[in-house]
N, C-alpha and C. Protein backbone atom coordinates (compact mmCIF):
# COMPACT_ATOMS: atom_id res chain seq x y z
N UNK A 1 -77.17 42.36 -20.83
CA UNK A 1 -75.86 41.75 -21.25
C UNK A 1 -75.24 41.10 -19.94
N UNK A 2 -74.68 39.86 -20.19
CA UNK A 2 -74.04 39.15 -19.19
C UNK A 2 -72.53 39.54 -19.19
N UNK A 3 -71.96 39.80 -18.03
CA UNK A 3 -70.58 40.06 -17.97
C UNK A 3 -69.97 38.81 -17.34
N UNK A 4 -68.93 38.23 -17.93
CA UNK A 4 -68.26 37.12 -17.50
C UNK A 4 -66.85 37.56 -17.00
N UNK A 5 -66.61 37.02 -15.75
CA UNK A 5 -65.24 37.36 -15.23
C UNK A 5 -64.61 36.02 -15.04
N UNK A 6 -63.45 35.82 -15.59
CA UNK A 6 -62.77 34.60 -15.46
C UNK A 6 -61.40 34.85 -14.90
N UNK A 7 -61.01 34.00 -13.92
CA UNK A 7 -59.74 34.15 -13.40
C UNK A 7 -59.02 32.85 -13.48
N UNK A 8 -57.65 32.74 -13.84
CA UNK A 8 -56.92 31.77 -13.94
C UNK A 8 -57.48 30.69 -15.10
N UNK A 9 -58.15 31.20 -15.98
CA UNK A 9 -58.74 30.34 -17.09
C UNK A 9 -58.39 31.12 -18.35
N UNK A 10 -57.82 30.39 -19.26
CA UNK A 10 -57.42 31.03 -20.57
C UNK A 10 -58.52 30.73 -21.56
N UNK A 11 -59.26 31.68 -21.99
CA UNK A 11 -60.32 31.49 -23.05
C UNK A 11 -59.68 31.06 -24.39
N UNK A 12 -60.42 30.17 -25.16
CA UNK A 12 -59.85 29.72 -26.38
C UNK A 12 -60.30 30.59 -27.50
N UNK A 13 -61.22 31.50 -27.33
CA UNK A 13 -61.77 32.36 -28.39
C UNK A 13 -62.52 33.56 -27.83
N UNK A 14 -62.77 34.56 -28.63
CA UNK A 14 -63.59 35.62 -28.17
C UNK A 14 -65.08 35.25 -28.23
N UNK A 15 -65.76 35.82 -27.22
CA UNK A 15 -67.23 35.64 -27.10
C UNK A 15 -68.08 36.59 -27.78
N UNK A 16 -67.62 37.78 -28.08
CA UNK A 16 -68.44 38.85 -28.52
C UNK A 16 -69.46 39.31 -27.45
N UNK A 17 -70.56 39.85 -27.73
CA UNK A 17 -71.51 40.14 -26.89
C UNK A 17 -72.36 38.94 -26.46
N UNK A 18 -72.52 38.64 -25.15
CA UNK A 18 -73.19 37.54 -24.71
C UNK A 18 -74.63 37.85 -24.31
N UNK A 19 -75.55 37.11 -25.04
CA UNK A 19 -76.91 37.32 -24.78
C UNK A 19 -77.65 36.00 -24.44
N UNK A 20 -78.92 36.09 -23.98
CA UNK A 20 -79.59 35.01 -23.53
C UNK A 20 -81.08 35.17 -23.91
N UNK A 21 -81.65 34.00 -24.42
CA UNK A 21 -83.07 34.07 -24.76
C UNK A 21 -83.93 34.04 -23.48
N UNK A 22 -85.11 34.47 -23.53
CA UNK A 22 -86.09 34.51 -22.37
C UNK A 22 -86.26 33.03 -21.86
N UNK A 23 -86.44 32.02 -22.61
CA UNK A 23 -86.55 30.70 -22.28
C UNK A 23 -85.43 30.14 -21.46
N UNK A 24 -84.15 30.51 -22.04
CA UNK A 24 -82.98 30.00 -21.33
C UNK A 24 -82.84 30.77 -20.01
N UNK A 25 -83.10 31.94 -19.89
CA UNK A 25 -83.06 32.68 -18.71
C UNK A 25 -83.97 32.17 -17.72
N UNK A 26 -85.31 31.92 -18.08
CA UNK A 26 -86.27 31.42 -17.13
C UNK A 26 -85.84 30.01 -16.62
N UNK A 27 -85.28 29.17 -17.51
CA UNK A 27 -84.88 27.83 -17.09
C UNK A 27 -83.73 27.89 -16.13
N UNK A 28 -82.68 28.71 -16.41
CA UNK A 28 -81.57 28.79 -15.50
C UNK A 28 -81.92 29.40 -14.09
N UNK A 29 -82.87 30.34 -14.13
CA UNK A 29 -83.24 30.82 -12.88
C UNK A 29 -84.06 29.78 -12.10
N UNK A 30 -84.97 29.07 -12.74
CA UNK A 30 -85.74 28.02 -12.05
C UNK A 30 -84.85 26.99 -11.53
N UNK A 31 -83.69 26.65 -12.30
CA UNK A 31 -82.81 25.49 -11.87
C UNK A 31 -81.69 26.11 -10.98
N UNK A 32 -81.66 27.44 -10.71
CA UNK A 32 -80.64 28.11 -9.93
C UNK A 32 -79.18 27.78 -10.40
N UNK A 33 -79.08 28.00 -11.74
CA UNK A 33 -77.71 27.82 -12.43
C UNK A 33 -77.23 29.08 -12.91
N UNK A 34 -76.07 29.46 -12.58
CA UNK A 34 -75.37 30.70 -12.97
C UNK A 34 -74.98 30.52 -14.46
N UNK A 35 -75.49 31.36 -15.38
CA UNK A 35 -75.12 31.30 -16.78
C UNK A 35 -73.64 31.50 -16.98
N UNK A 36 -72.88 32.15 -16.15
CA UNK A 36 -71.51 32.32 -16.20
C UNK A 36 -70.74 31.08 -16.18
N UNK A 37 -71.32 30.08 -15.47
CA UNK A 37 -70.69 28.69 -15.32
C UNK A 37 -70.73 28.10 -16.75
N UNK A 38 -71.77 28.19 -17.42
CA UNK A 38 -71.93 27.60 -18.84
C UNK A 38 -71.01 28.33 -19.80
N UNK A 39 -70.98 29.58 -19.64
CA UNK A 39 -70.12 30.49 -20.64
C UNK A 39 -68.66 30.01 -20.44
N UNK A 40 -68.28 29.90 -19.16
CA UNK A 40 -66.87 29.54 -18.85
C UNK A 40 -66.62 28.10 -19.40
N UNK A 41 -67.47 27.21 -19.29
CA UNK A 41 -67.28 25.92 -19.81
C UNK A 41 -67.09 25.95 -21.33
N UNK A 42 -67.96 26.79 -21.95
CA UNK A 42 -68.01 26.89 -23.35
C UNK A 42 -66.67 27.52 -23.94
N UNK A 43 -66.27 28.52 -23.38
CA UNK A 43 -65.10 29.31 -23.86
C UNK A 43 -63.71 28.57 -23.55
N UNK A 44 -63.80 27.66 -22.63
CA UNK A 44 -62.47 26.90 -22.42
C UNK A 44 -62.52 25.49 -22.87
N UNK A 45 -63.56 25.21 -23.76
CA UNK A 45 -63.43 23.92 -24.52
C UNK A 45 -64.18 22.76 -23.92
N UNK A 46 -64.96 22.97 -22.86
CA UNK A 46 -65.81 21.86 -22.21
C UNK A 46 -67.20 22.09 -23.02
N UNK A 47 -67.43 21.40 -24.07
CA UNK A 47 -68.53 21.65 -24.92
C UNK A 47 -69.80 20.85 -24.52
N UNK A 48 -69.63 20.10 -23.34
CA UNK A 48 -70.84 19.46 -22.87
C UNK A 48 -71.04 18.17 -23.63
N UNK A 49 -72.34 17.93 -23.85
CA UNK A 49 -72.77 16.64 -24.52
C UNK A 49 -73.01 16.82 -26.05
N UNK A 50 -72.00 16.76 -26.80
CA UNK A 50 -72.10 17.00 -28.33
C UNK A 50 -71.54 15.86 -28.93
N UNK A 51 -71.95 15.42 -30.12
CA UNK A 51 -71.34 14.33 -30.98
C UNK A 51 -69.95 14.62 -31.43
N UNK A 52 -69.20 13.59 -31.58
CA UNK A 52 -67.79 13.76 -32.01
C UNK A 52 -67.57 14.67 -33.23
N UNK A 53 -68.54 14.67 -34.30
CA UNK A 53 -68.40 15.60 -35.38
C UNK A 53 -68.56 17.04 -34.95
N UNK A 54 -69.29 17.34 -33.91
CA UNK A 54 -69.47 18.68 -33.36
C UNK A 54 -68.22 19.04 -32.69
N UNK A 55 -67.63 18.13 -31.97
CA UNK A 55 -66.34 18.39 -31.23
C UNK A 55 -65.29 18.73 -32.24
N UNK A 56 -65.25 17.96 -33.26
CA UNK A 56 -64.19 18.23 -34.32
C UNK A 56 -64.35 19.61 -34.94
N UNK A 57 -65.61 19.88 -35.16
CA UNK A 57 -65.92 21.21 -35.84
C UNK A 57 -65.63 22.30 -35.01
N UNK A 58 -65.84 22.17 -33.62
CA UNK A 58 -65.49 23.24 -32.61
C UNK A 58 -63.91 23.42 -32.58
N UNK A 59 -63.32 22.27 -32.51
CA UNK A 59 -61.76 22.36 -32.43
C UNK A 59 -61.18 23.13 -33.72
N UNK A 60 -61.84 22.83 -34.96
CA UNK A 60 -61.44 23.57 -36.12
C UNK A 60 -61.79 25.03 -36.05
N UNK A 61 -63.02 25.28 -35.52
CA UNK A 61 -63.42 26.69 -35.49
C UNK A 61 -62.53 27.52 -34.47
N UNK A 62 -62.16 26.93 -33.44
CA UNK A 62 -61.21 27.60 -32.54
C UNK A 62 -59.91 27.84 -33.20
N UNK A 63 -59.43 26.81 -33.84
CA UNK A 63 -58.04 26.96 -34.51
C UNK A 63 -58.02 28.01 -35.69
N UNK A 64 -59.11 27.90 -36.50
CA UNK A 64 -59.16 28.57 -37.71
C UNK A 64 -60.00 29.90 -37.60
N UNK A 65 -60.84 30.02 -36.57
CA UNK A 65 -61.74 31.24 -36.36
C UNK A 65 -62.65 31.46 -37.47
N UNK A 66 -63.14 30.44 -38.17
CA UNK A 66 -63.98 30.59 -39.33
C UNK A 66 -65.37 29.85 -39.26
N UNK A 67 -65.70 29.49 -38.10
CA UNK A 67 -67.00 28.74 -38.04
C UNK A 67 -67.64 28.97 -36.60
N UNK A 68 -68.63 28.64 -36.36
CA UNK A 68 -69.39 28.84 -35.06
C UNK A 68 -68.81 27.83 -34.00
N UNK A 69 -69.05 28.10 -32.84
CA UNK A 69 -68.62 27.13 -31.77
C UNK A 69 -69.96 26.85 -30.95
N UNK A 70 -70.27 25.53 -30.86
CA UNK A 70 -71.53 25.04 -30.35
C UNK A 70 -71.31 24.13 -29.09
N UNK A 71 -72.07 24.36 -28.14
CA UNK A 71 -72.02 23.65 -26.79
C UNK A 71 -73.41 23.22 -26.54
N UNK A 72 -73.64 21.99 -25.89
CA UNK A 72 -74.86 21.54 -25.34
C UNK A 72 -74.77 20.91 -23.96
N UNK A 73 -75.48 21.54 -23.04
CA UNK A 73 -75.36 21.15 -21.70
C UNK A 73 -76.61 20.60 -21.17
N UNK A 74 -76.69 19.27 -20.75
CA UNK A 74 -77.94 18.80 -20.12
C UNK A 74 -77.81 19.18 -18.66
N UNK A 75 -78.95 19.74 -18.12
CA UNK A 75 -78.91 20.37 -16.75
C UNK A 75 -79.77 19.47 -15.96
N UNK A 76 -79.24 19.34 -14.55
CA UNK A 76 -79.99 18.54 -13.59
C UNK A 76 -81.30 19.37 -13.25
N UNK A 77 -82.30 18.74 -12.83
CA UNK A 77 -82.40 17.31 -12.39
C UNK A 77 -82.95 16.45 -13.55
N UNK A 78 -83.53 17.06 -14.59
CA UNK A 78 -84.12 16.20 -15.66
C UNK A 78 -83.57 16.25 -16.97
N UNK A 79 -82.27 16.75 -17.08
CA UNK A 79 -81.40 16.78 -18.29
C UNK A 79 -82.03 17.78 -19.30
N UNK A 80 -82.67 18.87 -18.90
CA UNK A 80 -83.12 19.90 -19.75
C UNK A 80 -81.91 20.32 -20.41
N UNK A 81 -81.99 20.55 -21.75
CA UNK A 81 -80.77 20.99 -22.61
C UNK A 81 -80.79 22.47 -22.78
N UNK A 82 -79.54 23.09 -22.61
CA UNK A 82 -79.31 24.45 -22.96
C UNK A 82 -78.07 24.48 -23.90
N UNK A 83 -78.31 25.20 -24.93
CA UNK A 83 -77.16 25.40 -25.88
C UNK A 83 -76.42 26.71 -25.71
N UNK A 84 -75.20 26.74 -25.98
CA UNK A 84 -74.42 28.01 -26.09
C UNK A 84 -73.79 27.97 -27.45
N UNK A 85 -74.03 29.02 -28.26
CA UNK A 85 -73.50 29.11 -29.59
C UNK A 85 -72.80 30.52 -29.87
N UNK A 86 -71.45 30.46 -30.15
CA UNK A 86 -70.76 31.61 -30.49
C UNK A 86 -70.72 31.67 -32.05
N UNK A 87 -71.15 32.82 -32.55
CA UNK A 87 -71.23 32.98 -34.03
C UNK A 87 -69.78 32.85 -34.64
N UNK A 88 -69.83 32.57 -35.90
CA UNK A 88 -68.51 32.37 -36.60
C UNK A 88 -67.53 33.58 -36.58
N UNK A 89 -68.23 34.73 -36.62
CA UNK A 89 -67.51 35.96 -36.61
C UNK A 89 -67.11 36.50 -35.11
N UNK A 90 -67.51 35.72 -34.09
CA UNK A 90 -67.32 36.01 -32.71
C UNK A 90 -68.03 37.25 -32.27
N UNK A 91 -69.03 37.71 -32.97
CA UNK A 91 -69.77 38.96 -32.65
C UNK A 91 -70.73 38.73 -31.49
N UNK A 92 -71.25 37.55 -31.35
CA UNK A 92 -72.31 37.17 -30.26
C UNK A 92 -72.11 35.72 -29.76
N UNK A 93 -72.38 35.65 -28.55
CA UNK A 93 -72.58 34.30 -27.97
C UNK A 93 -73.98 34.28 -27.32
N UNK A 94 -74.69 33.22 -27.69
CA UNK A 94 -76.13 33.11 -27.28
C UNK A 94 -76.33 31.85 -26.38
N UNK A 95 -77.03 32.06 -25.35
CA UNK A 95 -77.46 30.97 -24.46
C UNK A 95 -78.99 30.84 -24.82
N UNK A 96 -79.32 29.60 -25.10
CA UNK A 96 -80.71 29.38 -25.62
C UNK A 96 -81.11 27.90 -25.42
N UNK A 97 -82.38 27.65 -25.43
CA UNK A 97 -82.99 26.36 -25.49
C UNK A 97 -83.07 25.95 -26.95
N UNK A 98 -82.85 24.57 -27.03
CA UNK A 98 -82.89 24.02 -28.46
C UNK A 98 -84.14 24.53 -29.27
N UNK A 99 -85.33 24.43 -28.47
CA UNK A 99 -86.53 24.88 -29.22
C UNK A 99 -86.62 26.36 -29.65
N UNK A 100 -85.67 27.10 -29.10
CA UNK A 100 -85.64 28.53 -29.48
C UNK A 100 -84.69 28.82 -30.68
N UNK A 101 -84.06 27.83 -31.21
CA UNK A 101 -83.12 27.97 -32.30
C UNK A 101 -83.71 28.37 -33.51
């Protein structure tokens, strides 16, 4: 389990238990990216590179608490994508690669 410590940042919603797939973990280790950075972006409303309809859906989900919250982050150097998804009931947040969905 990943423990996220945030200071001076107000989370927009509950994350639940934060988990990560093996593929995402391997990718983040290989690229030397701290998963806490992605989680912090996700929970504070920086949802990365998602279309306007997903941004609208996320805003509604945060406001109403009745849908999932989805983020997509292209990572350097080759724009490998990593997704972060918080379930509608806020029980889990998963960091994964798109092909692992």
